[in-house]
């Protein structure tokens, strides 16, 4: 009667809904729950659902509550809590058929919160229904988790990951890669290789349901209620649309340049923590890609090769020496690869840790660590290579010979033959002062005078010879100076007789005016050049002394210091060339 009056008086929709609520309250008070819930359903979209839900939470009223929640979902007005409550009602009442109908019925828009439904179904033990929902609505993480933990279908999980776009596939392999490597190692390894080299997405049709059917037609009242609810939530809908626009755009551009086609191999290494053989296969393939790999990838590959080199096991078809050679070549092929971007210092630590002799020698030379190279050869009792290192790199590092002698002198057991050979070479080439080398060798208490006596005697003899030579040179210079002094005195004090009667320039008889020089040459006054007032015949002898050479530059001085071993002599020579005087003027 009240509804008839309301319609006849053209009351508002909210007034009509208020009548349904009041009538529902009356029926609820009379414990006529089924008819009451029918009235409450007509208030959906206007009154808060929590008002009705609180009244029917008792276990005996679950069927009515289920009916109300179904209507709430059918009209698209349910939230996360409503979905959780509805699925729990189905589970408690063991209404599996209704649950399947609720889940498997296709519609053009979701009538419930899918993530909540998946979680509740899993908690209730209905994994197949949860698996269907996660596959249908592309909840990749939930689908793979259910597929791996409950279905134990690992191959399907790998195939499913391969069907995703690159970003999703990489995220899923990072999440489930370890488990998949334990169960299906080969397909998972191949998938990781493709993700880091040239990933191609496979077909997705086998994992998704067909296109949903047309949505059932709504009654006029349902359509009106949905329109009202949409108008109430217009602002929220606008924000949601803007929030989802960017991800949708990126998803549509999955095949464009925004979507990279290869991952960083170093971010996959932790997945292979328990599978070193598979890691070797993975790294060996990914380093061949055109794109360069980072240092972590190369360092991991080098460490794997070093581990193999250190392993004592061997194949039955090969001898021990063949296995060792093969493993060493693998290590050296990585170290010498021009594409290898490994960290040199970390690589050196690795080869030292795994005691790879060839690797240490190569990196010592590459990094210019010649002192460590000498120590390495001495530890391996290889004196020939010690001397070879000093001869090869001695020019780059002058103190290598002294370092080698110091190392030998510090040994408890002296290698006299090697020490004598080194001293012989130093004595012949004078790469370092012999006296300094002898002082280093003498630091060892086991060295006796007789061991180096011949070197000392020869050195003293050479020094005596040098002293005698210097004395003879000094005597010659003093004699020459005495003669020059006498000649200068004669020129300045004594009369000089000129007997030349021909011009030194034109070779004609001399006629006044005549110009005579101290050197003895005579010229007509007209035969002398105005540019050179001195004797033209003797000018070339004195020109180097008359022309002042420019002072050398700092670059020339430093270059001479690098080339010559006698730095003090070079400095004295450049003092004479006025270099330091020139620097003071600046």
Protein backbone atom coordinates (compact mmCIF):
# COMPACT_ATOMS: atom_id res chain seq x y z
CA UNK A 1 0.00 0.00 0.00
CA UNK A 2 2.82 2.43 0.91
CA UNK A 3 4.59 1.75 -2.38
CA UNK A 4 1.38 2.33 -4.35
CA UNK A 5 0.87 5.67 -2.63
CA UNK A 6 4.48 6.64 -3.23
CA UNK A 7 4.24 5.87 -6.94
CA UNK A 8 0.88 7.60 -7.30
CA UNK A 9 2.24 10.73 -5.62
CA UNK A 10 5.43 10.64 -7.74
CA UNK A 11 7.76 10.52 -4.75
CA UNK A 12 11.53 10.54 -5.32
CA UNK A 13 13.54 7.39 -5.78
CA UNK A 14 15.21 7.85 -2.40
CA UNK A 15 11.80 7.95 -0.72
CA UNK A 16 10.79 4.72 -2.41
CA UNK A 17 14.04 3.08 -1.29
CA UNK A 18 13.37 4.30 2.27
CA UNK A 19 10.04 2.50 2.19
CA UNK A 20 11.77 -0.74 1.13
CA UNK A 21 14.24 -0.35 4.00
CA UNK A 22 11.53 0.23 6.59
CA UNK A 23 9.54 -2.73 5.33
CA UNK A 24 12.67 -4.86 5.40
CA UNK A 25 13.31 -3.82 9.00
CA UNK A 26 9.77 -4.83 9.88
CA UNK A 27 10.14 -8.24 8.22
CA UNK A 28 13.50 -8.73 9.98
CA UNK A 29 11.88 -8.02 13.35
CA UNK A 30 9.24 -10.67 12.51
CA UNK A 31 12.13 -13.12 11.73
CA UNK A 32 10.96 -13.36 8.13
CA UNK A 33 14.54 -13.17 6.88
CA UNK A 34 14.04 -14.29 3.29
CA UNK A 35 11.44 -11.62 2.50
CA UNK A 36 13.45 -9.07 4.51
CA UNK A 37 16.58 -9.69 2.45
CA UNK A 38 14.50 -9.29 -0.73
CA UNK A 39 13.50 -5.81 0.45
CA UNK A 40 17.05 -4.95 1.47
CA UNK A 41 18.29 -5.91 -2.00
CA UNK A 42 16.07 -3.16 -3.42
CA UNK A 43 17.97 -0.61 -1.30
CA UNK A 44 21.35 -1.43 -2.85
CA UNK A 45 23.08 1.65 -4.20
CA UNK A 46 21.45 4.03 -1.73
CA UNK A 47 21.91 2.62 1.76
CA UNK A 48 25.23 1.40 3.11
CA UNK A 49 25.55 -2.41 2.64
CA UNK A 50 27.20 -2.75 6.06
CA UNK A 51 23.80 -2.00 7.67
CA UNK A 52 22.34 -5.15 6.16
CA UNK A 53 25.45 -7.32 6.46
CA UNK A 54 25.77 -6.82 10.23
CA UNK A 55 22.22 -8.12 10.68
CA UNK A 56 22.86 -11.40 8.83
CA UNK A 57 26.30 -12.43 10.08
CA UNK A 58 24.82 -15.19 12.21
CA UNK A 59 25.53 -18.68 10.83
CA UNK A 60 21.81 -19.49 10.52
CA UNK A 61 21.27 -16.45 8.30
CA UNK A 62 24.18 -17.10 5.92
CA UNK A 63 21.89 -18.09 2.98
CA UNK A 64 20.16 -14.72 3.15
CA UNK A 65 23.48 -12.93 3.49
CA UNK A 66 24.76 -14.85 0.48
CA UNK A 67 21.73 -13.75 -1.55
CA UNK A 68 22.34 -10.12 -0.62
CA UNK A 69 26.07 -10.29 -1.43
CA UNK A 70 25.32 -11.91 -4.80
CA UNK A 71 23.00 -9.05 -5.66
CA UNK A 72 25.64 -6.59 -4.54
CA UNK A 73 28.17 -8.17 -6.91
CA UNK A 74 25.70 -8.46 -9.79
CA UNK A 75 25.15 -4.72 -9.64
CA UNK A 76 28.90 -4.03 -9.54
CA UNK A 77 28.79 -2.29 -6.16
CA UNK A 78 30.81 -4.76 -4.10
CA UNK A 79 34.17 -3.94 -2.59
CA UNK A 80 37.04 -6.14 -1.42
CA UNK A 81 35.42 -7.02 1.91
CA UNK A 82 32.16 -7.99 0.20
CA UNK A 83 33.99 -10.37 -2.14
CA UNK A 84 35.85 -11.95 0.77
CA UNK A 85 32.63 -12.39 2.70
CA UNK A 86 30.74 -13.91 -0.24
CA UNK A 87 33.43 -16.48 -0.99
CA UNK A 88 33.63 -17.38 2.70
CA UNK A 89 29.87 -17.90 2.71
CA UNK A 90 30.13 -20.26 -0.25
CA UNK A 91 32.91 -22.16 1.46
CA UNK A 92 31.11 -22.49 4.81
CA UNK A 93 27.91 -23.64 3.13
CA UNK A 94 29.87 -25.94 0.77
CA UNK A 95 28.16 -24.41 -2.26
CA UNK A 96 30.85 -25.32 -4.75
CA UNK A 97 28.48 -25.10 -7.71
CA UNK A 98 27.52 -21.53 -6.88
CA UNK A 99 31.15 -20.66 -6.32
CA UNK A 100 32.08 -22.04 -9.73
CA UNK A 101 29.21 -20.12 -11.31
CA UNK A 102 30.40 -16.97 -9.56
CA UNK A 103 33.96 -17.47 -10.75
CA UNK A 104 33.65 -19.07 -14.16
CA UNK A 105 30.82 -16.90 -15.51
CA UNK A 106 32.34 -14.55 -18.10
CA UNK A 107 31.36 -10.93 -18.15
CA UNK A 108 32.68 -7.83 -19.83
CA UNK A 109 33.70 -6.28 -16.51
CA UNK A 110 34.80 -7.77 -13.22
CA UNK A 111 32.04 -7.93 -10.62
CA UNK A 112 34.43 -8.48 -7.71
CA UNK A 113 37.97 -7.87 -6.53
CA UNK A 114 39.99 -10.58 -8.22
CA UNK A 115 43.05 -10.40 -5.97
CA UNK A 116 40.90 -10.81 -2.88
CA UNK A 117 38.99 -13.69 -4.44
CA UNK A 118 42.22 -15.50 -5.29
CA UNK A 119 43.54 -15.06 -1.76
CA UNK A 120 40.35 -16.25 -0.08
CA UNK A 121 39.95 -19.24 -2.39
CA UNK A 122 43.52 -20.29 -1.69
CA UNK A 123 43.01 -19.97 2.07
CA UNK A 124 39.85 -22.08 1.82
CA UNK A 125 41.66 -24.81 -0.07
CA UNK A 126 39.95 -24.29 -3.44
CA UNK A 127 43.14 -23.90 -5.46
CA UNK A 128 41.71 -24.87 -8.86
CA UNK A 129 39.20 -22.05 -8.74
CA UNK A 130 41.92 -19.64 -7.64
CA UNK A 131 44.12 -20.89 -10.48
CA UNK A 132 41.34 -20.25 -12.98
CA UNK A 133 40.80 -16.70 -11.75
CA UNK A 134 44.48 -15.81 -11.78
CA UNK A 135 44.86 -17.17 -15.31
CA UNK A 136 41.69 -15.53 -16.59
CA UNK A 137 42.52 -12.06 -15.30
CA UNK A 138 46.30 -12.32 -15.88
CA UNK A 139 47.42 -12.22 -12.26
CA UNK A 140 50.78 -13.66 -13.23
CA UNK A 141 52.33 -13.92 -9.78
CA UNK A 142 49.33 -15.68 -8.23
CA UNK A 143 48.94 -17.99 -11.20
CA UNK A 144 52.56 -19.10 -11.12
CA UNK A 145 52.55 -19.46 -7.34
CA UNK A 146 49.51 -21.75 -7.48
CA UNK A 147 50.88 -23.63 -10.46
CA UNK A 148 54.16 -24.31 -8.67
CA UNK A 149 53.06 -24.81 -5.06
CA UNK A 150 49.81 -26.75 -5.58
CA UNK A 151 49.75 -28.13 -9.12
CA UNK A 152 53.52 -28.86 -9.22
CA UNK A 153 53.36 -28.28 -12.98
CA UNK A 154 56.77 -26.69 -13.45
CA UNK A 155 57.03 -27.05 -17.22
CA UNK A 156 53.73 -25.22 -17.69
CA UNK A 157 55.05 -22.49 -15.40
CA UNK A 158 58.11 -22.04 -17.62
CA UNK A 159 55.95 -21.97 -20.74
CA UNK A 160 53.64 -19.42 -19.14
CA UNK A 161 56.54 -17.12 -18.25
CA UNK A 162 57.75 -17.44 -21.84
CA UNK A 163 54.35 -16.20 -23.04
CA UNK A 164 54.59 -12.92 -21.10
CA UNK A 165 56.00 -9.62 -22.29
CA UNK A 166 59.64 -9.01 -21.41
CA UNK A 167 59.17 -6.97 -18.23
CA UNK A 168 56.65 -9.41 -16.75
CA UNK A 169 58.70 -12.44 -17.78
CA UNK A 170 61.84 -11.04 -16.17
CA UNK A 171 60.00 -10.20 -12.95
CA UNK A 172 58.48 -13.69 -12.75
CA UNK A 173 61.75 -15.51 -13.45
CA UNK A 174 63.39 -13.47 -10.70
CA UNK A 175 60.62 -14.55 -8.32
CA UNK A 176 60.33 -18.24 -9.20
CA UNK A 177 63.60 -18.93 -11.01
CA UNK A 178 65.30 -20.85 -8.21
CA UNK A 179 62.42 -23.29 -7.77
CA UNK A 180 62.11 -23.83 -11.51
CA UNK A 181 65.86 -24.45 -11.85
CA UNK A 182 65.58 -27.14 -9.18
CA UNK A 183 62.71 -28.92 -10.97
CA UNK A 184 63.12 -28.21 -14.71
CA UNK A 185 66.73 -27.01 -15.04
CA UNK A 186 67.24 -27.15 -18.81
CA UNK A 187 64.11 -25.24 -19.96
CA UNK A 188 64.55 -22.65 -17.22
CA UNK A 189 68.21 -22.10 -18.11
CA UNK A 190 67.30 -21.67 -21.77
CA UNK A 191 64.61 -19.16 -20.83
CA UNK A 192 67.12 -17.15 -18.77
CA UNK A 193 69.52 -17.16 -21.72
CA UNK A 194 66.81 -15.86 -24.05
CA UNK A 195 65.84 -13.14 -21.58
CA UNK A 196 69.44 -11.90 -21.62
CA UNK A 197 70.07 -12.24 -25.37
CA UNK A 198 67.08 -12.00 -27.70
CA UNK A 199 63.76 -12.64 -25.98
CA UNK A 200 60.81 -13.55 -28.18
CA UNK A 201 57.37 -13.84 -26.59
CA UNK A 202 55.56 -17.11 -27.40
CA UNK A 203 51.86 -17.61 -28.08
CA UNK A 204 49.53 -16.83 -25.17
CA UNK A 205 46.33 -18.45 -26.48
CA UNK A 206 46.74 -21.72 -24.57
CA UNK A 207 46.78 -19.94 -21.21
CA UNK A 208 43.68 -17.76 -21.56
CA UNK A 209 39.98 -18.42 -21.79
CA UNK A 210 37.97 -17.46 -24.91
CA UNK A 211 36.48 -14.00 -25.26
CA UNK A 212 33.72 -13.39 -22.69
CA UNK A 213 30.14 -13.59 -23.81
CA UNK A 214 27.73 -10.69 -23.90
CA UNK A 215 26.74 -9.40 -20.47
CA UNK A 216 23.24 -10.29 -19.39
CA UNK A 217 20.67 -7.54 -19.90
CA UNK A 218 19.94 -5.52 -16.77
CA UNK A 219 16.48 -4.65 -15.58
CA UNK A 220 15.47 -0.96 -15.65
CA UNK A 221 15.75 -0.78 -11.87
CA UNK A 222 19.24 -2.35 -11.89
CA UNK A 223 20.33 0.00 -14.66
CA UNK A 224 19.09 3.01 -12.67
CA UNK A 225 20.87 1.87 -9.52
CA UNK A 226 24.13 1.33 -11.39
CA UNK A 227 23.88 4.77 -12.97
CA UNK A 228 23.36 6.37 -9.56
CA UNK A 229 26.33 4.55 -8.09
CA UNK A 230 28.53 5.54 -11.03
CA UNK A 231 27.55 9.17 -10.63
CA UNK A 232 28.38 9.03 -6.92
CA UNK A 233 31.84 7.66 -7.71
CA UNK A 234 32.60 9.77 -10.80
CA UNK A 235 35.62 11.48 -9.24
CA UNK A 236 37.07 8.20 -8.08
CA UNK A 237 36.50 6.70 -11.49
CA UNK A 238 38.28 9.61 -13.17
CA UNK A 239 41.32 9.18 -10.95
CA UNK A 240 41.35 5.46 -11.56
CA UNK A 241 41.24 6.00 -15.32
CA UNK A 242 44.19 8.38 -15.20
CA UNK A 243 46.14 6.02 -12.96
CA UNK A 244 45.70 3.12 -15.34
CA UNK A 245 46.30 5.08 -18.53
CA UNK A 246 50.10 5.06 -18.34
CA UNK A 247 50.47 1.30 -17.65
CA UNK A 248 48.01 0.53 -20.42
CA UNK A 249 50.00 2.68 -22.83
CA UNK A 250 53.25 0.95 -21.87
CA UNK A 251 51.60 -2.43 -22.29
CA UNK A 252 50.45 -1.46 -25.78
CA UNK A 253 54.02 -0.48 -26.62
CA UNK A 254 55.46 -3.81 -25.51
CA UNK A 255 56.88 -4.49 -28.95
CA UNK A 256 58.38 -1.03 -29.43
CA UNK A 257 61.71 0.50 -28.55
CA UNK A 258 60.48 1.20 -25.00
CA UNK A 259 60.59 -2.52 -24.24
CA UNK A 260 64.19 -3.82 -23.97
CA UNK A 261 64.88 -7.19 -25.49
CA UNK A 262 67.61 -8.32 -23.13
CA UNK A 263 68.25 -8.27 -19.41
CA UNK A 264 71.37 -7.78 -17.33
CA UNK A 265 72.98 -11.22 -16.83
CA UNK A 266 74.45 -10.25 -13.45
CA UNK A 267 70.92 -9.96 -12.01
CA UNK A 268 70.29 -13.63 -12.88
CA UNK A 269 73.44 -15.08 -11.30
CA UNK A 270 71.91 -15.49 -7.82
CA UNK A 271 69.26 -17.82 -9.28
CA UNK A 272 71.98 -20.38 -10.07
CA UNK A 273 73.43 -20.47 -6.54
CA UNK A 274 72.94 -24.26 -6.32
CA UNK A 275 73.60 -25.02 -9.99
CA UNK A 276 77.15 -24.11 -10.97
CA UNK A 277 77.03 -26.27 -14.12
CA UNK A 278 73.90 -24.49 -15.33
CA UNK A 279 75.43 -21.13 -14.42
CA UNK A 280 78.43 -21.99 -16.59
CA UNK A 281 76.13 -22.76 -19.52
CA UNK A 282 74.16 -19.56 -18.91
CA UNK A 283 77.18 -17.25 -18.67
CA UNK A 284 79.04 -18.86 -21.57
CA UNK A 285 76.07 -18.13 -23.83
CA UNK A 286 75.16 -14.64 -22.68
CA UNK A 287 78.71 -13.23 -23.00
CA UNK A 288 78.53 -13.99 -26.72
CA UNK A 289 75.67 -11.55 -27.28
CA UNK A 290 76.38 -8.35 -29.28
CA UNK A 291 75.63 -6.15 -26.27
CA UNK A 292 78.54 -5.89 -23.80
CA UNK A 293 78.18 -7.57 -20.41
CA UNK A 294 79.18 -5.88 -17.18
CA UNK A 295 82.15 -6.70 -14.96
CA UNK A 296 80.11 -8.83 -12.53
CA UNK A 297 79.13 -11.21 -15.32
CA UNK A 298 82.71 -11.69 -16.53
CA UNK A 299 84.02 -12.05 -12.98
CA UNK A 300 81.46 -14.78 -12.27
CA UNK A 301 82.41 -16.63 -15.47
CA UNK A 302 86.10 -16.37 -14.56
CA UNK A 303 85.46 -17.73 -11.07
CA UNK A 304 83.59 -20.71 -12.51
CA UNK A 305 86.49 -21.47 -14.83
CA UNK A 306 88.94 -21.20 -11.92
CA UNK A 307 86.82 -23.56 -9.83
CA UNK A 308 86.87 -26.11 -12.61
CA UNK A 309 90.62 -25.73 -12.94
CA UNK A 310 91.01 -26.42 -9.22
CA UNK A 311 88.75 -29.49 -9.25
CA UNK A 312 90.65 -32.79 -9.00
CA UNK A 313 88.05 -34.85 -10.88
CA UNK A 314 88.55 -35.82 -14.50
CA UNK A 315 86.61 -37.51 -17.33
CA UNK A 316 87.39 -41.15 -17.90
CA UNK A 317 88.12 -40.58 -21.57
CA UNK A 318 90.87 -38.04 -20.89
CA UNK A 319 94.15 -38.16 -19.06
CA UNK A 320 94.85 -35.87 -16.13
CA UNK A 321 97.25 -33.70 -18.15
CA UNK A 322 94.69 -33.18 -20.93
CA UNK A 323 92.07 -32.07 -18.41
CA UNK A 324 94.48 -29.62 -16.76
CA UNK A 325 95.47 -28.13 -20.14
CA UNK A 326 91.83 -27.80 -21.18
CA UNK A 327 90.82 -26.06 -17.94
CA UNK A 328 93.80 -23.71 -18.02
CA UNK A 329 93.01 -22.74 -21.59
CA UNK A 330 89.46 -21.93 -20.50
CA UNK A 331 90.75 -19.54 -17.82
CA UNK A 332 93.23 -17.89 -20.16
CA UNK A 333 90.66 -17.54 -22.94
CA UNK A 334 88.53 -15.45 -20.58
CA UNK A 335 91.45 -13.33 -19.36
CA UNK A 336 92.72 -12.64 -22.87
CA UNK A 337 89.31 -12.12 -24.50
CA UNK A 338 89.26 -8.55 -25.90
CA UNK A 339 85.53 -8.28 -25.08
CA UNK A 340 86.04 -9.32 -21.45
CA UNK A 341 85.16 -6.37 -19.22
CA UNK A 342 86.12 -8.05 -15.95
CA UNK A 343 87.40 -6.02 -13.03
CA UNK A 344 91.16 -6.51 -13.16
CA UNK A 345 91.77 -6.15 -9.44
CA UNK A 346 88.98 -8.58 -8.55
CA UNK A 347 90.22 -10.97 -11.23
CA UNK A 348 93.69 -10.83 -9.66
CA UNK A 349 92.22 -11.73 -6.27
CA UNK A 350 90.38 -14.66 -7.87
CA UNK A 351 93.43 -16.12 -9.62
CA UNK A 352 95.42 -15.74 -6.41
CA UNK A 353 92.67 -17.41 -4.37
CA UNK A 354 92.44 -20.38 -6.73
CA UNK A 355 96.23 -20.43 -7.24
CA UNK A 356 96.11 -20.12 -11.03
CA UNK A 357 99.77 -19.66 -11.99
CA UNK A 358 99.20 -18.65 -15.62
CA UNK A 359 96.43 -16.27 -14.65
CA UNK A 360 98.62 -14.58 -12.05
CA UNK A 361 101.51 -14.16 -14.48
CA UNK A 362 99.22 -12.69 -17.14
CA UNK A 363 97.57 -10.18 -14.79
CA UNK A 364 100.87 -9.19 -13.14
CA UNK A 365 102.22 -8.28 -16.57
CA UNK A 366 99.01 -6.58 -17.65
CA UNK A 367 98.83 -4.46 -14.48
CA UNK A 368 102.57 -3.72 -14.42
CA UNK A 369 103.06 -5.45 -11.06
CA UNK A 370 106.57 -6.65 -11.84
CA UNK A 371 107.61 -6.94 -8.19
CA UNK A 372 104.79 -9.42 -7.56
CA UNK A 373 105.77 -11.20 -10.75
CA UNK A 374 109.31 -11.62 -9.41
CA UNK A 375 107.96 -12.95 -6.11
CA UNK A 376 105.76 -15.40 -7.99
CA UNK A 377 108.68 -16.80 -9.99
CA UNK A 378 110.87 -17.01 -6.89
CA UNK A 379 108.15 -18.90 -4.99
CA UNK A 380 107.95 -21.36 -7.88
CA UNK A 381 111.76 -21.65 -8.00
CA UNK A 382 111.98 -20.28 -11.54
CA UNK A 383 115.17 -18.16 -11.67
CA UNK A 384 115.29 -18.09 -15.47
CA UNK A 385 112.02 -16.22 -15.68
CA UNK A 386 113.12 -13.88 -12.87
CA UNK A 387 116.09 -12.75 -14.94
CA UNK A 388 113.92 -12.60 -18.08
CA UNK A 389 111.47 -10.28 -16.29
CA UNK A 390 114.29 -7.97 -15.19
CA UNK A 391 115.78 -7.89 -18.68
CA UNK A 392 112.42 -7.30 -20.36
CA UNK A 393 110.91 -4.74 -17.99
CA UNK A 394 114.09 -3.36 -16.40
CA UNK A 395 113.99 -0.24 -18.56
CA UNK A 396 110.45 0.54 -17.39
CA UNK A 397 111.34 -0.09 -13.75
CA UNK A 398 115.04 0.45 -13.01
CA UNK A 399 114.87 -0.99 -9.51
CA UNK A 400 113.75 -4.48 -10.60
CA UNK A 401 117.30 -5.79 -10.42
CA UNK A 402 117.73 -4.37 -6.95
CA UNK A 403 114.38 -5.86 -5.88
CA UNK A 404 115.42 -9.26 -7.21
CA UNK A 405 118.74 -9.09 -5.34
CA UNK A 406 116.93 -7.99 -2.18
CA UNK A 407 114.54 -10.95 -2.40
CA UNK A 408 117.43 -13.34 -2.97
CA UNK A 409 119.43 -11.85 -0.11
CA UNK A 410 116.48 -12.32 2.25
CA UNK A 411 116.21 -16.04 1.52
CA UNK A 412 117.62 -18.44 4.07
CA UNK A 413 119.08 -20.67 1.37
CA UNK A 414 121.21 -18.65 -1.01
CA UNK A 415 121.15 -19.30 -4.73
CA UNK A 416 124.78 -18.35 -5.34
CA UNK A 417 124.72 -19.25 -9.01
CA UNK A 418 121.77 -16.95 -9.64
CA UNK A 419 123.31 -14.12 -7.59
CA UNK A 420 126.58 -14.36 -9.51
CA UNK A 421 124.74 -14.38 -12.83
CA UNK A 422 122.83 -11.25 -11.85
CA UNK A 423 126.01 -9.52 -10.69
CA UNK A 424 127.75 -10.46 -13.95
CA UNK A 425 124.90 -8.92 -15.95
CA UNK A 426 124.94 -5.76 -13.82
CA UNK A 427 128.71 -5.53 -14.16
CA UNK A 428 128.57 -5.80 -17.96
CA UNK A 429 125.57 -3.57 -18.64
CA UNK A 430 125.82 -1.20 -15.67
CA UNK A 431 122.00 -1.13 -15.41
CA UNK A 432 122.44 -0.27 -11.74
CA UNK A 433 125.59 0.68 -9.81
CA UNK A 434 127.52 -2.48 -8.99
CA UNK A 435 128.51 -1.13 -5.60
CA UNK A 436 124.82 -0.74 -4.66
CA UNK A 437 124.14 -4.31 -5.76
CA UNK A 438 127.04 -5.59 -3.67
CA UNK A 439 125.77 -3.69 -0.64
CA UNK A 440 122.35 -5.35 -0.98
CA UNK A 441 123.86 -8.82 -1.30
CA UNK A 442 126.05 -8.24 1.75
CA UNK A 443 122.94 -7.85 3.93
CA UNK A 444 122.70 -11.64 4.11
CA UNK A 445 124.85 -13.00 6.93
CA UNK A 446 125.66 -16.12 4.93
CA UNK A 447 127.42 -14.15 2.21
CA UNK A 448 131.19 -14.45 2.58
CA UNK A 449 133.78 -12.17 1.09
CA UNK A 450 135.13 -14.91 -1.12
CA UNK A 451 131.77 -15.25 -2.88
CA UNK A 452 131.91 -11.68 -4.23
CA UNK A 453 135.67 -11.10 -4.04
CA UNK A 454 136.21 -11.14 -7.80
CA UNK A 455 133.46 -8.55 -8.36
CA UNK A 456 134.98 -6.25 -5.76
CA UNK A 457 138.50 -6.63 -7.21
CA UNK A 458 137.32 -5.90 -10.76
CA UNK A 459 135.28 -2.95 -9.55
CA UNK A 460 138.29 -1.50 -7.69
CA UNK A 461 140.50 -2.03 -10.74
CA UNK A 462 138.01 -0.26 -12.96
CA UNK A 463 137.78 2.61 -10.53
CA UNK A 464 141.58 2.84 -10.37
CA UNK A 465 141.75 2.80 -14.15
CA UNK A 466 139.14 5.52 -14.33
CA UNK A 467 141.07 7.59 -11.79
CA UNK A 468 144.31 7.15 -13.76
CA UNK A 469 142.56 8.12 -16.99
CA UNK A 470 141.14 11.21 -15.33
CA UNK A 471 144.59 12.14 -14.04
CA UNK A 472 146.08 11.83 -17.53
CA UNK A 473 143.30 13.99 -18.94
CA UNK A 474 143.91 16.58 -16.24
CA UNK A 475 147.64 16.57 -17.02
CA UNK A 476 146.97 17.05 -20.75
CA UNK A 477 144.55 19.87 -20.06
CA UNK A 478 147.04 21.59 -17.77
CA UNK A 479 149.80 21.29 -20.41
CA UNK A 480 147.50 22.72 -23.06
CA UNK A 481 146.51 25.56 -20.78
CA UNK A 482 150.18 26.37 -20.14
CA UNK A 483 150.86 26.55 -23.86
CA UNK A 484 147.86 28.79 -24.39
CA UNK A 485 148.98 31.12 -21.62
CA UNK A 486 152.44 31.38 -23.15
CA UNK A 487 150.99 32.11 -26.58
CA UNK A 488 148.67 34.77 -25.18
CA UNK A 489 151.58 36.37 -23.34
CA UNK A 490 153.68 36.40 -26.52
CA UNK A 491 150.87 38.01 -28.50
CA UNK A 492 150.30 40.68 -25.89
CA UNK A 493 153.94 41.51 -25.07
CA UNK A 494 156.24 40.45 -27.92
CA UNK A 495 156.55 41.87 -31.45
CA UNK A 496 155.06 39.74 -34.22
CA UNK A 497 156.74 39.38 -37.63
CA UNK A 498 154.41 39.10 -40.65
CA UNK A 499 156.14 37.68 -43.75
CA UNK A 500 153.01 37.17 -45.88
CA UNK A 501 153.03 39.34 -49.04
CA UNK A 502 149.79 38.13 -50.64
CA UNK A 503 146.14 38.73 -49.74
CA UNK A 504 144.56 35.67 -48.12
CA UNK A 505 141.31 36.45 -49.93
CA UNK A 506 142.25 37.41 -53.52
CA UNK A 507 145.81 35.98 -53.48
CA UNK A 508 147.17 39.20 -55.08
CA UNK A 509 150.21 41.09 -53.86
CA UNK A 510 149.40 43.18 -50.84
CA UNK A 511 149.10 46.93 -51.26
CA UNK A 512 148.39 49.53 -48.67
CA UNK A 513 146.08 49.80 -46.81
CA UNK A 514 146.60 46.29 -45.34
CA UNK A 515 144.77 44.56 -42.47
CA UNK A 516 146.67 41.90 -40.57
CA UNK A 517 145.24 39.41 -37.99
CA UNK A 518 146.88 37.63 -35.07
CA UNK A 519 146.31 34.29 -36.76
CA UNK A 520 148.87 35.36 -39.44
CA UNK A 521 146.52 36.08 -42.36
CA UNK A 522 146.66 39.44 -44.17
CA UNK A 523 144.01 41.14 -46.37
CA UNK A 524 143.45 44.15 -48.54
CA UNK A 525 141.13 46.46 -46.66
CA UNK A 526 138.65 46.17 -49.54
CA UNK A 527 138.66 42.34 -49.43
CA UNK A 528 137.29 42.20 -45.88
CA UNK A 529 133.55 41.58 -45.48
CA UNK A 530 131.59 44.18 -43.58
CA UNK A 531 129.39 41.42 -42.08
CA UNK A 532 132.34 39.51 -40.64
CA UNK A 533 135.06 41.83 -39.34
CA UNK A 534 137.33 38.93 -38.36
CA UNK A 535 139.50 36.65 -40.45
CA UNK A 536 137.31 34.89 -42.94
CA UNK A 537 139.71 31.95 -43.16
CA UNK A 538 139.54 31.23 -39.39
CA UNK A 539 135.95 32.30 -38.69
CA UNK A 540 134.56 28.75 -38.86
CA UNK A 541 136.89 27.66 -36.05
CA UNK A 542 135.66 30.26 -33.58
CA UNK A 543 132.03 30.55 -34.65
CA UNK A 544 130.72 27.94 -32.13
CA UNK A 545 132.33 29.95 -29.34
CA UNK A 546 131.08 33.29 -30.57
CA UNK A 547 127.42 32.29 -31.16
CA UNK A 548 125.45 31.73 -27.93
CA UNK A 549 123.16 28.70 -28.18
CA UNK A 550 119.60 29.00 -26.78
CA UNK A 551 119.02 27.48 -23.36
CA UNK A 552 117.32 24.04 -23.37
CA UNK A 553 113.69 23.62 -22.29
CA UNK A 554 112.35 21.74 -19.29
CA UNK A 555 110.91 19.05 -21.58
CA UNK A 556 114.35 18.41 -23.07
CA UNK A 557 115.85 18.14 -19.60
CA UNK A 558 113.20 15.66 -18.37
CA UNK A 559 113.52 13.58 -21.54
CA UNK A 560 117.30 13.41 -21.07
CA UNK A 561 116.83 12.37 -17.43
CA UNK A 562 114.57 9.49 -18.50
CA UNK A 563 116.99 8.26 -21.17
CA UNK A 564 120.26 8.54 -19.25
CA UNK A 565 121.12 6.56 -16.16
CA UNK A 566 123.58 9.14 -14.80
CA UNK A 567 121.14 11.76 -13.57
CA UNK A 568 123.83 13.81 -11.83
CA UNK A 569 125.88 14.03 -15.03
CA UNK A 570 122.83 15.12 -17.03
CA UNK A 571 122.06 17.83 -14.48
CA UNK A 572 125.64 19.11 -14.55
CA UNK A 573 125.58 19.20 -18.35
CA UNK A 574 122.36 21.22 -18.37
CA UNK A 575 123.83 23.60 -15.80
CA UNK A 576 126.52 24.36 -18.37
CA UNK A 577 123.87 24.96 -21.02
CA UNK A 578 122.33 27.74 -18.87
CA UNK A 579 119.03 25.94 -18.41
CA UNK A 580 118.61 26.74 -14.72
CA UNK A 581 119.79 30.32 -15.23
CA UNK A 582 117.08 30.66 -17.84
CA UNK A 583 114.48 29.33 -15.36
CA UNK A 584 115.55 31.88 -12.72
CA UNK A 585 115.04 34.73 -15.19
CA UNK A 586 111.49 33.56 -15.79
